[in-house]
Amino acid sequence: EMTSSLVGSEMCIRDSSKCAYIDISAVGNLADGSLFARNKRDGDSYIPLGSKSEKRLKDIFIAKKIPSAKRNSIPLVCNKRGRILWGVGLPPCDDFKLSNSAVAIELTYAPFER
């Protein structure tokens, strides 16, 4: 699915399954390794964009019909407190959604070329 987003004064068009914008407050100081990627863990949960409550990652994968064999290979971007900010193909965390006054950081997934 292709979407367009207004970030600052620039219109950005991205594949929304491989790109997310979050409030920079979720990250803190990028110089200290505040972001990291990992695979899913048993019991993972977060509040997907537009939701009012926390959802189990397993339930989100099932709802999106992501095969169980592929679930372990989906990278999850977390902050240094271990909170899931975004996963490739998933909505970003609602706690860090952009507001009118937010400064954004773009998270983009690009697989390694071998």
Protein backbone atom coordinates (compact mmCIF):
# COMPACT_ATOMS: atom_id res chain seq x y z
CA GLU A 1 0.00 0.00 0.00
CA MET A 2 1.41 3.36 -1.01
CA THR A 3 0.65 6.40 1.09
CA SER A 4 1.76 10.00 1.23
CA SER A 5 2.65 11.82 4.42
CA LEU A 6 3.36 15.43 5.15
CA VAL A 7 6.56 15.70 7.17
CA GLY A 8 7.71 19.23 7.85
CA SER A 9 7.14 21.03 4.59
CA GLU A 10 7.90 18.04 2.35
CA MET A 11 5.43 15.50 1.02
CA CYS A 12 6.86 11.99 1.30
CA ILE A 13 5.51 9.00 -0.59
CA ARG A 14 6.48 5.66 0.86
CA ASP A 15 5.42 2.04 0.97
CA SER A 16 3.69 2.20 4.36
CA SER A 17 4.53 -1.43 5.12
CA LYS A 18 8.26 -0.62 4.99
CA CYS A 19 8.28 2.88 6.45
CA ALA A 20 6.95 4.56 9.58
CA TYR A 21 7.21 8.00 11.15
CA ILE A 22 7.37 8.31 14.92
CA ASP A 23 7.76 11.14 17.41
CA ILE A 24 11.44 11.72 18.17
CA SER A 25 10.63 11.65 21.91
CA ALA A 26 10.41 7.85 21.59
CA VAL A 27 14.07 7.70 20.73
CA GLY A 28 15.96 10.07 22.99
CA ASN A 29 19.61 10.55 22.10
CA LEU A 30 20.44 8.68 18.89
CA ALA A 31 24.16 8.91 19.64
CA ASP A 32 23.85 6.53 22.60
CA GLY A 33 22.33 3.66 20.62
CA SER A 34 18.76 4.43 21.62
CA LEU A 35 17.29 2.33 18.80
CA PHE A 36 17.84 -1.32 18.08
CA ALA A 37 16.19 -4.02 16.03
CA ARG A 38 15.32 -7.49 17.22
CA ASN A 39 13.07 -10.42 16.43
CA LYS A 40 9.85 -11.14 18.29
CA ARG A 41 9.85 -12.66 21.74
CA ASP A 42 7.13 -14.65 23.47
CA GLY A 43 4.65 -12.30 25.10
CA ASP A 44 5.57 -9.21 23.05
CA SER A 45 2.86 -6.56 22.93
CA TYR A 46 2.40 -2.90 22.10
CA ILE A 47 -0.34 -0.37 21.31
CA PRO A 48 -0.73 -0.24 17.49
CA LEU A 49 -1.56 3.12 15.90
CA GLY A 50 -5.26 3.86 16.29
CA SER A 51 -5.79 1.36 19.09
CA LYS A 52 -6.74 2.31 22.62
CA SER A 53 -5.24 -0.76 24.26
CA GLU A 54 -2.20 -2.96 24.13
CA LYS A 55 -2.33 -5.89 21.68
CA ARG A 56 -0.27 -9.04 21.69
CA LEU A 57 2.08 -9.21 18.72
CA LYS A 58 0.95 -12.78 18.11
CA ASP A 59 -2.68 -11.59 17.75
CA ILE A 60 -1.64 -8.81 15.35
CA PHE A 61 0.27 -11.32 13.20
CA ILE A 62 -2.76 -13.62 13.11
CA ALA A 63 -5.12 -10.75 12.18
CA LYS A 64 -2.78 -9.69 9.36
CA LYS A 65 -2.53 -13.33 8.22
CA ILE A 66 1.27 -13.37 8.52
CA PRO A 67 2.38 -17.02 8.32
CA SER A 68 3.91 -18.31 11.56
CA ALA A 69 7.06 -19.33 9.67
CA LYS A 70 7.70 -15.67 8.73
CA ARG A 71 6.94 -14.07 12.11
CA ASN A 72 10.41 -14.63 13.57
CA SER A 73 12.06 -12.88 10.64
CA ILE A 74 10.12 -9.60 10.97
CA PRO A 75 12.41 -6.94 12.46
CA LEU A 76 11.01 -4.97 15.39
CA VAL A 77 12.47 -1.53 16.16
CA CYS A 78 12.66 -0.85 19.89
CA ASN A 79 13.86 2.01 22.06
CA LYS A 80 16.45 1.53 24.78
CA ARG A 81 13.68 0.79 27.31
CA GLY A 82 12.73 -2.18 25.11
CA ARG A 83 9.39 -0.74 23.96
CA ILE A 84 8.37 -1.75 20.44
CA LEU A 85 8.13 1.37 18.27
CA TRP A 86 7.43 -0.33 14.95
CA GLY A 87 7.69 -3.63 13.10
CA VAL A 88 7.99 -4.03 9.34
CA GLY A 89 4.49 -4.42 7.92
CA LEU A 90 2.89 -3.35 11.21
CA PRO A 91 1.50 -0.01 12.37
CA PRO A 92 3.79 2.12 14.55
CA CYS A 93 3.17 2.39 18.28
CA ASP A 94 0.28 4.73 19.11
CA ASP A 95 2.17 6.13 22.13
CA PHE A 96 4.67 7.74 19.76
CA LYS A 97 2.37 8.86 16.94
CA LEU A 98 3.04 12.23 15.37
CA SER A 99 1.18 15.26 16.62
CA ASN A 100 1.10 18.68 14.97
CA SER A 101 4.05 19.83 17.08
CA ALA A 102 6.10 16.62 16.90
CA VAL A 103 9.54 16.30 15.39
CA ALA A 104 9.58 13.07 13.39
CA ILE A 105 12.08 10.34 12.77
CA GLU A 106 11.60 8.11 9.72
CA LEU A 107 12.11 4.38 10.19
CA THR A 108 12.61 2.56 6.88
CA TYR A 109 13.22 -1.11 6.20
CA ALA A 110 15.60 -2.00 3.39
CA PRO A 111 16.85 -5.61 3.21
CA PHE A 112 20.54 -6.24 2.76
CA GLU A 113 21.56 -6.98 -0.82
CA ARG A 114 23.79 -10.03 -1.11
